N, C-alpha and C. Protein backbone atom coordinates (compact mmCIF):
# COMPACT_ATOMS: atom_id res chain seq x y z
N MET A 1 154.13 136.80 168.97
CA MET A 1 153.17 135.77 169.33
C MET A 1 153.79 134.50 168.83
N LYS A 2 153.24 133.37 169.42
CA LYS A 2 153.81 132.06 169.03
C LYS A 2 152.56 131.11 168.63
N ILE A 3 152.81 130.53 167.39
CA ILE A 3 151.95 129.74 166.67
C ILE A 3 152.63 128.25 166.38
N LEU A 4 151.62 127.15 166.79
CA LEU A 4 152.08 125.96 166.84
C LEU A 4 151.24 125.32 165.31
N ILE A 5 152.00 124.86 164.49
CA ILE A 5 151.46 124.22 163.34
C ILE A 5 151.58 122.67 163.43
N ILE A 6 150.45 121.95 163.25
CA ILE A 6 150.33 120.37 163.35
C ILE A 6 149.84 119.95 161.85
N GLU A 7 150.85 119.47 161.40
CA GLU A 7 150.52 119.41 159.92
C GLU A 7 151.68 118.38 159.39
N ASP A 8 151.06 117.46 158.39
CA ASP A 8 152.16 116.55 157.94
C ASP A 8 152.74 116.64 156.58
N ASP A 9 152.14 117.68 155.97
CA ASP A 9 152.60 117.86 154.69
C ASP A 9 153.78 119.02 154.81
N GLU A 10 154.94 118.63 154.48
CA GLU A 10 156.13 119.28 154.52
C GLU A 10 155.98 120.73 153.69
N LYS A 11 155.47 120.56 152.41
CA LYS A 11 155.36 121.73 151.68
C LYS A 11 154.33 122.84 152.19
N ILE A 12 153.30 122.25 152.88
CA ILE A 12 152.31 123.36 153.45
C ILE A 12 153.02 123.81 154.77
N ILE A 13 153.70 122.94 155.55
CA ILE A 13 154.49 123.37 156.78
C ILE A 13 155.55 124.55 156.30
N ASP A 14 156.29 124.40 155.18
CA ASP A 14 157.22 125.33 154.76
C ASP A 14 156.55 126.49 154.45
N PHE A 15 155.57 126.65 153.81
CA PHE A 15 154.77 127.69 153.15
C PHE A 15 154.15 128.52 154.50
N LEU A 16 153.54 127.68 155.32
CA LEU A 16 153.05 128.41 156.32
C LEU A 16 154.20 129.18 157.43
N LYS A 17 155.27 128.30 157.58
CA LYS A 17 156.23 128.76 158.46
C LYS A 17 156.86 129.98 158.02
N ARG A 18 157.32 129.88 156.66
CA ARG A 18 157.92 131.29 156.13
C ARG A 18 156.90 132.25 155.92
N GLY A 19 155.60 132.00 155.79
CA GLY A 19 154.77 133.31 155.62
C GLY A 19 154.58 134.00 157.05
N LEU A 20 154.37 133.09 158.06
CA LEU A 20 153.95 133.56 159.44
C LEU A 20 155.30 134.37 159.94
N GLU A 21 156.46 133.80 159.73
CA GLU A 21 157.64 134.40 160.32
C GLU A 21 157.84 135.59 159.79
N GLU A 22 157.38 135.86 158.38
CA GLU A 22 157.66 137.06 157.58
C GLU A 22 156.53 138.18 158.39
N GLU A 23 155.49 137.67 158.90
CA GLU A 23 154.54 138.39 159.76
C GLU A 23 154.95 138.67 161.08
N SER A 24 156.15 138.14 161.39
CA SER A 24 156.65 138.46 162.91
C SER A 24 156.34 137.46 163.82
N TYR A 25 155.51 136.30 163.40
CA TYR A 25 154.99 135.34 164.34
C TYR A 25 156.35 134.28 164.76
N SER A 26 156.33 133.83 165.82
CA SER A 26 157.36 132.88 166.30
C SER A 26 156.49 131.45 165.91
N VAL A 27 157.22 130.40 165.25
CA VAL A 27 156.53 129.12 165.10
C VAL A 27 157.12 127.98 165.24
N ASP A 28 156.48 127.08 165.75
CA ASP A 28 156.94 125.87 166.02
C ASP A 28 156.00 124.82 165.22
N PHE A 29 156.48 123.74 164.80
CA PHE A 29 155.72 122.72 164.08
C PHE A 29 155.85 121.34 164.41
N SER A 30 154.96 120.46 164.15
CA SER A 30 155.02 118.90 164.33
C SER A 30 154.42 118.42 163.17
N LYS A 31 154.88 117.07 162.85
CA LYS A 31 154.30 116.44 161.58
C LYS A 31 153.41 115.30 161.98
N ASN A 32 153.20 115.23 163.21
CA ASN A 32 152.07 114.25 163.75
C ASN A 32 151.42 114.52 164.92
N GLY A 33 150.21 113.93 165.05
CA GLY A 33 149.35 114.38 166.08
C GLY A 33 149.88 114.13 167.60
N GLU A 34 150.43 112.99 167.67
CA GLU A 34 151.09 112.69 168.92
C GLU A 34 152.11 113.76 169.44
N GLU A 35 153.01 114.04 168.64
CA GLU A 35 153.95 115.09 169.04
C GLU A 35 153.23 116.31 169.30
N GLY A 36 152.35 116.81 168.22
CA GLY A 36 151.61 118.09 168.07
C GLY A 36 150.87 118.23 169.79
N LEU A 37 150.11 117.08 170.03
CA LEU A 37 149.48 117.15 171.28
C LEU A 37 150.33 117.23 172.39
N TYR A 38 151.58 116.74 172.58
CA TYR A 38 152.65 117.03 173.55
C TYR A 38 153.21 118.37 173.52
N LEU A 39 153.49 118.67 172.48
CA LEU A 39 153.96 120.52 172.19
C LEU A 39 152.84 121.20 173.16
N ALA A 40 151.69 121.11 172.35
CA ALA A 40 150.42 122.07 172.87
C ALA A 40 150.22 122.05 174.27
N SER A 41 150.34 120.74 174.84
CA SER A 41 150.14 120.46 176.25
C SER A 41 151.19 121.16 177.20
N VAL A 42 152.52 121.06 176.71
CA VAL A 42 153.77 121.69 177.67
C VAL A 42 154.24 123.14 177.35
N ASN A 43 153.77 123.57 176.22
CA ASN A 43 154.20 124.95 175.85
C ASN A 43 152.86 125.86 175.77
N ASP A 44 153.28 127.36 176.17
CA ASP A 44 152.19 128.37 175.88
C ASP A 44 152.23 128.61 174.38
N TYR A 45 151.10 128.43 173.50
CA TYR A 45 151.02 129.07 172.39
C TYR A 45 149.72 130.10 172.16
N ASP A 46 150.00 131.08 171.26
CA ASP A 46 148.80 132.05 171.22
C ASP A 46 147.66 131.40 170.26
N LEU A 47 148.23 130.40 169.23
CA LEU A 47 147.05 129.93 168.36
C LEU A 47 147.78 128.45 167.78
N ILE A 48 146.91 127.66 167.40
CA ILE A 48 147.32 126.42 166.98
C ILE A 48 146.62 126.03 165.59
N LEU A 49 147.40 125.93 164.51
CA LEU A 49 146.87 125.65 163.19
C LEU A 49 146.85 124.12 163.26
N LEU A 50 145.81 123.36 163.01
CA LEU A 50 145.76 122.10 163.27
C LEU A 50 145.18 121.21 161.90
N ASP A 51 145.69 120.33 161.44
CA ASP A 51 145.24 119.68 160.37
C ASP A 51 144.47 118.50 160.74
N ILE A 52 143.41 118.05 160.15
CA ILE A 52 142.63 116.91 160.62
C ILE A 52 143.37 115.42 160.32
N MET A 53 143.82 115.30 159.09
CA MET A 53 144.33 113.95 158.83
C MET A 53 145.72 113.86 159.13
N LEU A 54 146.00 113.45 160.26
CA LEU A 54 147.51 113.36 160.79
C LEU A 54 147.79 111.97 161.01
N PRO A 55 149.00 111.78 161.17
CA PRO A 55 149.74 110.18 161.62
C PRO A 55 149.70 110.24 163.08
N LEU A 56 149.42 108.98 163.31
CA LEU A 56 149.32 108.39 165.01
C LEU A 56 148.02 108.90 165.62
N ILE A 57 147.97 110.22 165.74
CA ILE A 57 146.40 110.59 166.27
C ILE A 57 146.07 111.87 165.37
N ASP A 58 144.51 111.59 164.96
CA ASP A 58 144.22 112.77 164.11
C ASP A 58 143.73 113.92 164.73
N GLY A 59 143.67 114.95 163.90
CA GLY A 59 143.46 116.26 164.35
C GLY A 59 142.19 116.37 165.28
N ILE A 60 141.06 115.79 164.97
CA ILE A 60 139.82 115.84 165.93
C ILE A 60 140.10 115.20 167.32
N GLU A 61 141.03 114.18 167.23
CA GLU A 61 141.49 113.62 168.81
C GLU A 61 142.37 114.54 169.32
N VAL A 62 143.27 115.24 168.77
CA VAL A 62 144.16 116.23 169.25
C VAL A 62 143.13 117.23 169.90
N CYS A 63 142.48 118.01 169.18
CA CYS A 63 141.68 118.87 169.74
C CYS A 63 140.57 118.60 170.58
N LYS A 64 140.07 117.33 170.75
CA LYS A 64 139.31 116.87 171.71
C LYS A 64 140.10 116.80 173.24
N LYS A 65 141.42 116.19 173.00
CA LYS A 65 142.11 115.93 174.30
C LYS A 65 142.65 117.26 174.63
N LEU A 66 143.00 118.29 173.94
CA LEU A 66 143.30 119.63 174.53
C LEU A 66 142.22 120.25 175.14
N ARG A 67 141.03 120.24 174.81
CA ARG A 67 140.02 120.78 175.39
C ARG A 67 139.42 120.04 176.74
N GLN A 68 139.76 118.65 176.61
CA GLN A 68 139.48 117.99 177.87
C GLN A 68 140.42 118.25 178.90
N ALA A 69 141.71 118.93 178.48
CA ALA A 69 142.76 119.16 179.55
C ALA A 69 142.57 120.44 179.92
N ASN A 70 141.55 121.34 179.48
CA ASN A 70 141.37 122.67 179.69
C ASN A 70 142.32 123.60 179.12
N ILE A 71 142.93 123.01 177.95
CA ILE A 71 143.78 124.00 177.17
C ILE A 71 142.97 124.65 176.15
N ASN A 72 142.94 126.17 176.29
CA ASN A 72 141.90 126.68 175.51
C ASN A 72 142.54 127.68 174.50
N THR A 73 143.76 127.42 174.25
CA THR A 73 144.29 128.00 173.16
C THR A 73 143.38 127.87 171.81
N PRO A 74 143.20 129.07 171.21
CA PRO A 74 142.44 129.14 169.82
C PRO A 74 143.12 128.07 168.84
N ILE A 75 142.02 127.49 168.32
CA ILE A 75 142.25 126.37 167.39
C ILE A 75 141.90 126.54 166.07
N ILE A 76 142.63 126.72 164.74
CA ILE A 76 142.12 126.68 163.50
C ILE A 76 142.39 125.56 162.87
N MET A 77 141.16 124.75 162.45
CA MET A 77 141.39 123.52 161.78
C MET A 77 141.53 123.71 160.23
N LEU A 78 142.83 122.77 159.79
CA LEU A 78 143.16 122.86 158.37
C LEU A 78 142.87 121.56 157.79
N THR A 79 142.11 121.46 156.78
CA THR A 79 141.83 120.16 156.13
C THR A 79 141.44 120.24 154.46
N ALA A 80 141.68 119.12 153.98
CA ALA A 80 141.32 118.96 152.47
C ALA A 80 139.89 118.76 152.46
N LYS A 81 139.24 118.23 153.58
CA LYS A 81 137.80 117.83 153.62
C LYS A 81 137.07 119.08 153.66
N ASP A 82 136.26 119.55 153.04
CA ASP A 82 135.12 120.76 153.02
C ASP A 82 133.73 120.46 153.12
N SER A 83 133.38 119.37 153.73
CA SER A 83 131.96 118.79 153.76
C SER A 83 131.44 119.62 155.12
N VAL A 84 130.02 119.95 155.02
CA VAL A 84 129.46 120.47 156.12
C VAL A 84 129.50 119.72 157.46
N GLU A 85 129.50 118.29 157.27
CA GLU A 85 129.70 117.42 158.41
C GLU A 85 131.01 117.12 159.07
N ASP A 86 132.10 117.69 158.30
CA ASP A 86 133.53 117.77 158.81
C ASP A 86 133.59 119.13 159.58
N THR A 87 132.82 120.13 159.05
CA THR A 87 133.17 121.39 159.64
C THR A 87 132.40 121.50 161.09
N ILE A 88 131.35 120.77 161.09
CA ILE A 88 130.29 120.81 162.28
C ILE A 88 131.11 119.81 163.36
N ARG A 89 131.66 118.89 162.89
CA ARG A 89 132.47 117.98 163.92
C ARG A 89 133.63 118.76 164.50
N GLY A 90 134.50 119.37 163.56
CA GLY A 90 135.50 120.10 164.11
C GLY A 90 135.27 121.21 165.15
N LEU A 91 134.03 121.89 164.81
CA LEU A 91 133.53 123.04 165.60
C LEU A 91 133.01 122.38 167.03
N ASP A 92 132.24 121.26 166.76
CA ASP A 92 131.64 120.78 168.04
C ASP A 92 132.66 120.23 169.11
N ILE A 93 133.89 119.82 168.44
CA ILE A 93 134.75 119.23 169.62
C ILE A 93 135.69 120.45 170.14
N GLY A 94 135.69 121.60 169.74
CA GLY A 94 136.23 122.61 170.38
C GLY A 94 137.17 123.58 169.69
N ALA A 95 136.99 123.32 168.35
CA ALA A 95 137.80 124.27 167.32
C ALA A 95 137.15 125.58 167.40
N ASN A 96 138.10 126.63 167.05
CA ASN A 96 137.48 127.99 167.14
C ASN A 96 137.13 128.43 165.63
N ASP A 97 137.63 127.83 164.64
CA ASP A 97 137.46 128.12 163.06
C ASP A 97 138.01 126.88 162.21
N TYR A 98 137.59 126.97 161.10
CA TYR A 98 137.78 125.89 160.21
C TYR A 98 137.95 126.49 158.87
N LEU A 99 139.20 125.93 158.32
CA LEU A 99 139.48 126.65 156.97
C LEU A 99 140.02 125.31 156.13
N PRO A 100 139.21 125.21 154.92
CA PRO A 100 139.42 123.99 154.12
C PRO A 100 140.39 124.57 153.02
N LYS A 101 141.23 123.49 152.90
CA LYS A 101 142.60 123.59 151.68
C LYS A 101 141.85 123.40 150.49
N PRO A 102 142.51 124.18 149.37
CA PRO A 102 143.28 124.97 149.39
C PRO A 102 142.87 126.33 149.96
N PHE A 103 143.60 127.37 150.57
CA PHE A 103 143.06 128.57 151.04
C PHE A 103 144.17 129.42 150.79
N SER A 104 143.74 130.69 150.85
CA SER A 104 144.62 132.15 150.56
C SER A 104 145.41 132.38 151.94
N PHE A 105 146.82 132.65 151.63
CA PHE A 105 147.40 133.21 153.08
C PHE A 105 146.79 134.27 153.49
N SER A 106 146.38 135.20 152.95
CA SER A 106 145.87 136.61 153.34
C SER A 106 144.45 136.16 154.17
N GLU A 107 143.70 135.15 153.76
CA GLU A 107 142.66 134.75 154.46
C GLU A 107 142.96 134.23 155.55
N LEU A 108 143.79 133.28 155.88
CA LEU A 108 144.44 132.61 156.85
C LEU A 108 145.01 133.88 157.98
N LEU A 109 145.65 134.79 157.45
CA LEU A 109 146.16 135.67 158.50
C LEU A 109 144.83 136.50 159.02
N ALA A 110 143.86 136.68 158.09
CA ALA A 110 142.70 137.54 158.76
C ALA A 110 141.99 136.65 159.80
N ARG A 111 141.93 135.27 159.66
CA ARG A 111 141.36 134.46 160.60
C ARG A 111 142.21 134.47 162.01
N ILE A 112 143.50 134.50 161.56
CA ILE A 112 144.12 134.27 162.89
C ILE A 112 144.03 135.67 163.69
N ARG A 113 143.85 136.80 163.17
CA ARG A 113 143.93 138.09 163.72
C ARG A 113 142.63 138.29 164.43
N VAL A 114 141.50 137.54 163.68
CA VAL A 114 140.34 137.35 164.41
C VAL A 114 140.22 136.72 165.74
N GLN A 115 140.93 135.33 165.66
CA GLN A 115 140.99 134.71 166.90
C GLN A 115 142.01 135.30 168.05
N LEU A 116 142.99 136.11 167.48
CA LEU A 116 143.78 136.57 168.61
C LEU A 116 142.96 137.75 169.26
N ARG A 117 142.26 138.56 168.51
CA ARG A 117 141.52 139.71 169.03
C ARG A 117 140.33 139.35 169.74
N THR A 118 139.54 138.03 169.57
CA THR A 118 138.53 137.75 170.14
C THR A 118 138.49 137.14 171.53
N ASN A 119 139.94 136.43 171.55
CA ASN A 119 140.37 135.75 173.02
C ASN A 119 140.96 136.72 173.83
N ASN A 120 140.20 136.83 174.94
CA ASN A 120 140.45 138.00 175.83
C ASN A 120 141.75 137.68 176.55
N HIS A 121 142.20 136.45 176.74
CA HIS A 121 143.33 135.94 177.43
C HIS A 121 144.62 136.35 176.62
N GLN A 122 144.48 136.69 175.33
CA GLN A 122 145.84 137.08 174.64
C GLN A 122 146.03 138.57 174.70
N GLN A 123 147.26 138.70 174.84
CA GLN A 123 147.86 140.00 175.13
C GLN A 123 148.31 140.65 173.75
N THR A 124 147.51 141.56 173.45
CA THR A 124 147.87 142.08 171.84
C THR A 124 148.72 143.35 171.75
N LYS A 125 148.69 143.98 173.03
CA LYS A 125 149.73 145.23 172.88
C LYS A 125 150.71 145.26 174.16
N LEU A 126 151.72 145.43 173.76
CA LEU A 126 152.79 145.82 174.74
C LEU A 126 153.15 146.99 174.98
N LYS A 127 153.62 147.64 176.11
CA LYS A 127 154.00 148.88 176.50
C LYS A 127 155.23 148.87 177.53
N ILE A 128 156.25 149.66 177.26
CA ILE A 128 157.06 150.15 178.02
C ILE A 128 157.52 151.61 177.98
N ALA A 129 157.49 152.42 179.08
CA ALA A 129 157.70 153.77 178.86
C ALA A 129 156.76 154.16 177.80
N ASP A 130 157.15 155.05 176.94
CA ASP A 130 156.50 155.60 175.92
C ASP A 130 156.47 154.94 174.68
N LEU A 131 156.93 153.79 174.63
CA LEU A 131 157.06 152.84 173.51
C LEU A 131 156.01 151.83 173.46
N GLU A 132 155.50 151.63 172.29
CA GLU A 132 154.23 150.66 172.24
C GLU A 132 154.24 149.82 171.02
N LEU A 133 153.98 148.41 171.30
CA LEU A 133 153.92 147.56 170.09
C LEU A 133 152.40 147.16 170.05
N ASP A 134 151.90 146.88 168.82
CA ASP A 134 150.74 146.31 168.67
C ASP A 134 150.94 145.11 167.88
N LEU A 135 150.63 143.86 168.62
CA LEU A 135 150.98 142.74 168.08
C LEU A 135 150.26 142.03 166.75
N LEU A 136 148.95 142.61 166.65
CA LEU A 136 148.09 142.38 165.76
C LEU A 136 148.36 143.01 164.38
N SER A 137 148.66 144.46 164.36
CA SER A 137 149.04 145.03 163.32
C SER A 137 150.43 145.17 163.06
N LYS A 138 151.20 144.62 164.01
CA LYS A 138 152.66 144.57 163.86
C LYS A 138 153.17 145.98 163.56
N SER A 139 152.69 146.74 164.46
CA SER A 139 153.16 148.52 164.33
C SER A 139 153.75 148.65 165.63
N ALA A 140 154.72 149.55 165.65
CA ALA A 140 155.57 149.99 166.69
C ALA A 140 155.41 151.71 166.88
N LYS A 141 155.29 152.31 167.88
CA LYS A 141 155.25 153.73 168.25
C LYS A 141 156.13 153.95 169.31
N ARG A 142 156.73 155.15 169.28
CA ARG A 142 157.39 155.72 170.64
C ARG A 142 157.01 157.18 170.39
N ALA A 143 156.32 157.63 171.56
CA ALA A 143 156.07 159.07 171.84
C ALA A 143 154.78 159.48 170.89
N GLY A 144 154.05 158.37 170.41
CA GLY A 144 153.37 158.77 169.29
C GLY A 144 153.84 158.73 167.95
N ASN A 145 155.22 158.56 167.78
CA ASN A 145 155.69 158.61 166.45
C ASN A 145 155.95 156.89 165.98
N ILE A 146 155.33 157.01 164.58
CA ILE A 146 155.50 155.44 164.08
C ILE A 146 157.04 154.97 163.81
N ILE A 147 157.27 153.79 164.13
CA ILE A 147 158.61 153.27 163.82
C ILE A 147 158.66 152.10 162.99
N ASN A 148 159.20 152.37 161.79
CA ASN A 148 159.31 151.32 160.83
C ASN A 148 160.39 150.15 161.12
N LEU A 149 159.77 148.77 161.42
CA LEU A 149 160.61 147.78 162.03
C LEU A 149 160.50 146.58 160.87
N THR A 150 161.68 145.97 160.59
CA THR A 150 161.65 144.76 159.80
C THR A 150 160.78 143.83 160.83
N ALA A 151 160.43 142.27 159.95
CA ALA A 151 159.78 141.49 160.78
C ALA A 151 160.76 141.04 161.80
N LYS A 152 162.08 140.81 161.84
CA LYS A 152 162.84 140.22 162.62
C LYS A 152 163.33 141.33 163.80
N GLU A 153 163.29 142.66 163.36
CA GLU A 153 163.67 143.59 164.64
C GLU A 153 162.15 143.69 165.33
N PHE A 154 161.16 143.55 164.51
CA PHE A 154 159.82 143.47 165.50
C PHE A 154 159.82 142.25 166.48
N ALA A 155 160.16 141.22 165.85
CA ALA A 155 160.12 139.99 166.71
C ALA A 155 161.19 139.95 167.75
N LEU A 156 162.37 140.45 167.69
CA LEU A 156 163.24 140.79 168.89
C LEU A 156 162.94 141.70 169.77
N LEU A 157 162.40 142.92 169.30
CA LEU A 157 161.83 143.74 170.42
C LEU A 157 160.62 143.35 170.97
N GLU A 158 159.69 142.48 170.31
CA GLU A 158 158.71 141.90 171.32
C GLU A 158 159.05 141.05 172.20
N TYR A 159 160.28 140.16 171.89
CA TYR A 159 160.70 139.25 172.99
C TYR A 159 161.49 139.88 173.89
N LEU A 160 162.07 141.04 173.89
CA LEU A 160 162.74 141.89 174.78
C LEU A 160 161.80 142.42 175.73
N ILE A 161 160.54 142.97 175.22
CA ILE A 161 159.46 143.64 176.10
C ILE A 161 158.75 142.67 176.80
N LYS A 162 158.58 141.39 176.50
CA LYS A 162 157.89 140.40 177.06
C LYS A 162 158.90 139.91 178.30
N ASN A 163 159.94 140.23 177.99
CA ASN A 163 161.06 139.91 179.28
C ASN A 163 161.79 141.02 179.85
N LYS A 164 160.98 142.15 179.74
CA LYS A 164 161.54 143.38 180.37
C LYS A 164 162.05 143.37 181.67
N ASN A 165 163.12 143.98 181.85
CA ASN A 165 163.79 144.10 183.07
C ASN A 165 164.88 142.70 183.43
N ARG A 166 164.51 141.90 182.56
CA ARG A 166 165.35 140.46 182.80
C ARG A 166 166.54 140.67 181.66
N VAL A 167 167.78 140.26 182.12
CA VAL A 167 169.03 140.30 181.18
C VAL A 167 168.81 139.07 180.48
N LEU A 168 168.81 139.17 179.09
CA LEU A 168 168.81 138.10 178.21
C LEU A 168 170.14 137.83 177.47
N SER A 169 170.80 136.71 177.48
CA SER A 169 172.07 136.57 177.07
C SER A 169 171.89 136.42 175.50
N GLU A 170 173.28 136.74 175.02
CA GLU A 170 173.35 136.79 173.56
C GLU A 170 173.02 135.28 172.94
N THR A 171 173.35 134.17 173.67
CA THR A 171 172.95 133.00 173.26
C THR A 171 171.51 132.69 173.07
N VAL A 172 170.71 133.42 174.00
CA VAL A 172 169.41 133.12 174.15
C VAL A 172 168.72 133.93 172.90
N LEU A 173 169.11 135.42 172.69
CA LEU A 173 168.66 135.97 171.65
C LEU A 173 169.03 135.56 170.23
N SER A 174 170.32 135.00 170.13
CA SER A 174 171.00 134.60 168.92
C SER A 174 169.95 133.36 168.51
N SER A 175 169.67 132.43 169.35
CA SER A 175 168.76 131.15 169.06
C SER A 175 167.46 131.79 168.74
N MET A 176 166.80 132.91 169.31
CA MET A 176 165.42 133.25 168.72
C MET A 176 165.76 133.70 167.39
N LEU A 177 166.64 134.29 167.09
CA LEU A 177 166.79 135.06 165.74
C LEU A 177 167.07 133.72 164.93
N ASN A 178 168.12 132.93 165.01
CA ASN A 178 168.35 131.91 164.12
C ASN A 178 167.23 130.95 163.82
N ASN A 179 166.04 131.02 164.77
CA ASN A 179 165.11 130.23 164.57
C ASN A 179 164.10 130.81 163.55
N MET A 180 164.47 132.05 163.15
CA MET A 180 163.73 132.66 162.15
C MET A 180 164.35 132.60 160.78
N ASP A 181 165.52 131.66 160.64
CA ASP A 181 166.07 131.32 159.38
C ASP A 181 166.99 132.41 159.10
N GLU A 182 167.58 133.14 160.26
CA GLU A 182 168.67 134.36 160.17
C GLU A 182 170.08 133.43 159.74
N VAL A 183 170.77 133.87 158.80
CA VAL A 183 172.02 133.55 158.80
C VAL A 183 172.88 133.56 160.14
N ASN A 184 173.43 132.36 160.41
CA ASN A 184 174.19 132.15 161.59
C ASN A 184 175.58 132.88 161.66
N ILE A 185 175.45 134.10 162.07
CA ILE A 185 176.74 134.72 162.05
C ILE A 185 176.86 135.25 163.43
N SER A 186 178.31 135.24 163.91
CA SER A 186 178.52 135.30 165.39
C SER A 186 177.92 136.65 166.01
N ASN A 187 177.71 137.80 165.22
CA ASN A 187 177.53 138.94 165.90
C ASN A 187 176.12 139.27 165.43
N VAL A 188 175.29 138.30 164.98
CA VAL A 188 173.80 138.59 164.63
C VAL A 188 172.99 139.47 165.88
N VAL A 189 173.30 139.24 166.90
CA VAL A 189 172.54 139.83 167.99
C VAL A 189 173.07 141.22 168.01
N ASN A 190 174.20 141.50 168.03
CA ASN A 190 174.84 142.91 168.17
C ASN A 190 174.23 143.71 167.09
N VAL A 191 174.38 143.07 165.92
CA VAL A 191 173.74 143.78 164.72
C VAL A 191 172.21 144.29 164.94
N TYR A 192 171.45 143.47 165.38
CA TYR A 192 170.00 143.66 165.47
C TYR A 192 169.77 144.87 166.68
N ILE A 193 170.84 144.61 167.65
CA ILE A 193 170.51 145.32 168.92
C ILE A 193 170.84 146.95 168.34
N TYR A 194 171.85 147.05 167.60
CA TYR A 194 172.29 148.20 167.04
C TYR A 194 171.29 148.96 166.23
N ARG A 195 170.59 148.05 165.45
CA ARG A 195 169.58 148.78 164.42
C ARG A 195 168.32 149.15 165.32
N LEU A 196 167.92 148.28 166.29
CA LEU A 196 166.81 148.79 167.21
C LEU A 196 167.26 150.03 168.04
N ARG A 197 168.33 150.18 168.62
CA ARG A 197 168.69 151.32 169.17
C ARG A 197 168.77 152.56 168.39
N ASN A 198 169.07 152.40 167.06
CA ASN A 198 169.22 153.54 166.07
C ASN A 198 167.55 153.98 166.07
N LYS A 199 166.59 152.80 166.02
CA LYS A 199 165.14 153.38 165.69
C LYS A 199 164.36 153.76 166.88
N ILE A 200 164.65 152.98 168.09
CA ILE A 200 163.74 153.29 169.30
C ILE A 200 164.35 154.04 170.25
N ASP A 201 165.73 154.15 170.40
CA ASP A 201 166.44 154.92 171.47
C ASP A 201 167.17 156.32 170.88
N LYS A 202 167.85 156.19 169.90
CA LYS A 202 168.69 157.38 169.47
C LYS A 202 168.01 158.69 169.35
N PRO A 203 166.79 158.68 168.72
CA PRO A 203 166.09 159.97 168.69
C PRO A 203 165.51 160.51 170.00
N TYR A 204 165.70 159.83 171.25
CA TYR A 204 165.07 160.15 172.36
C TYR A 204 165.96 160.38 173.45
N ASP A 205 165.66 160.90 174.43
CA ASP A 205 166.58 161.25 175.47
C ASP A 205 166.60 159.95 176.45
N LYS A 206 165.33 159.18 176.73
CA LYS A 206 165.57 158.09 177.51
C LYS A 206 165.78 156.82 176.92
N LYS A 207 166.98 156.34 177.15
CA LYS A 207 167.28 154.93 176.39
C LYS A 207 166.52 153.78 177.22
N LEU A 208 166.17 152.86 176.46
CA LEU A 208 165.35 151.90 176.86
C LEU A 208 166.35 150.42 176.87
N ILE A 209 166.96 150.28 175.72
CA ILE A 209 167.69 148.99 175.58
C ILE A 209 169.19 149.19 176.35
N LYS A 210 169.48 148.44 177.43
CA LYS A 210 170.61 148.35 178.09
C LYS A 210 171.61 147.30 177.86
N THR A 211 172.87 147.53 177.84
CA THR A 211 173.87 146.46 177.86
C THR A 211 174.26 146.05 179.25
N VAL A 212 174.31 144.82 179.56
CA VAL A 212 174.77 144.31 180.85
C VAL A 212 176.10 143.88 180.41
N ARG A 213 177.17 144.28 180.71
CA ARG A 213 178.52 143.86 180.39
C ARG A 213 178.75 142.43 180.81
N GLY A 214 179.17 141.60 179.86
CA GLY A 214 179.61 140.08 180.15
C GLY A 214 178.28 139.29 180.30
N MET A 215 176.92 139.88 180.23
CA MET A 215 175.70 139.00 180.47
C MET A 215 174.77 139.19 179.46
N GLY A 216 174.67 140.29 178.66
CA GLY A 216 173.72 140.36 177.71
C GLY A 216 172.89 141.81 177.54
N PHE A 217 171.66 141.66 177.06
CA PHE A 217 171.00 142.91 177.12
C PHE A 217 169.52 142.83 177.93
N ARG A 218 169.05 143.85 178.05
CA ARG A 218 167.71 144.01 178.71
C ARG A 218 167.14 145.19 178.23
N ILE A 219 165.84 145.24 178.32
CA ILE A 219 165.07 146.54 178.09
C ILE A 219 164.52 146.94 179.37
N SER A 220 164.42 148.20 179.71
CA SER A 220 163.80 148.52 181.03
C SER A 220 163.76 150.26 180.89
N ASP A 221 162.51 150.61 181.62
CA ASP A 221 162.35 152.23 181.68
C ASP A 221 163.21 152.98 183.04
N GLU A 222 163.90 151.91 183.49
CA GLU A 222 164.46 152.62 184.91
C GLU A 222 165.56 153.55 184.63
């Protein structure tokens, strides 16, 4: 699942980005309202974390413009302001939730899960053959058996399943992994594909992850 952070405090951005990526979310960020509005308008995000006090365009205006454009991505507003008036204003212009700073990361995660669960347009479970991913609990099962995955393994498997039957090049997969602060080594994709195969394919007769020689990898139940 992909989250957009629109926040001008670099320390908060770093804190949120690292924490969310450890939870297997893919993260984009912007440090001003103008760029954040553009990113939210041209990309599909599962959720937006939006600060109120932003350069160029404030968070209230960003939220208002997104709703006017019929972009219904769940928005959690983050702000140092904690008055009743600010809360009401944020919710009135279309925000789904409101969290004053400072906040605990565990509370933020809980609120994110609530928004993803209550917005019906969000796909929270993925399945191919007898392999199932729960994107909220970050759990994986095959044939009913629990599979323990690291955050990066889970993210890679989620990406493969969302693009099932499509051949994904090593360049595309490497870029996805490197965006999660992975060390940029030449065989990073092969390393993670090997790990995934050992966990989700090796114990079972039907192999799901295929190598397409000279092109990349795909996941398929064919």
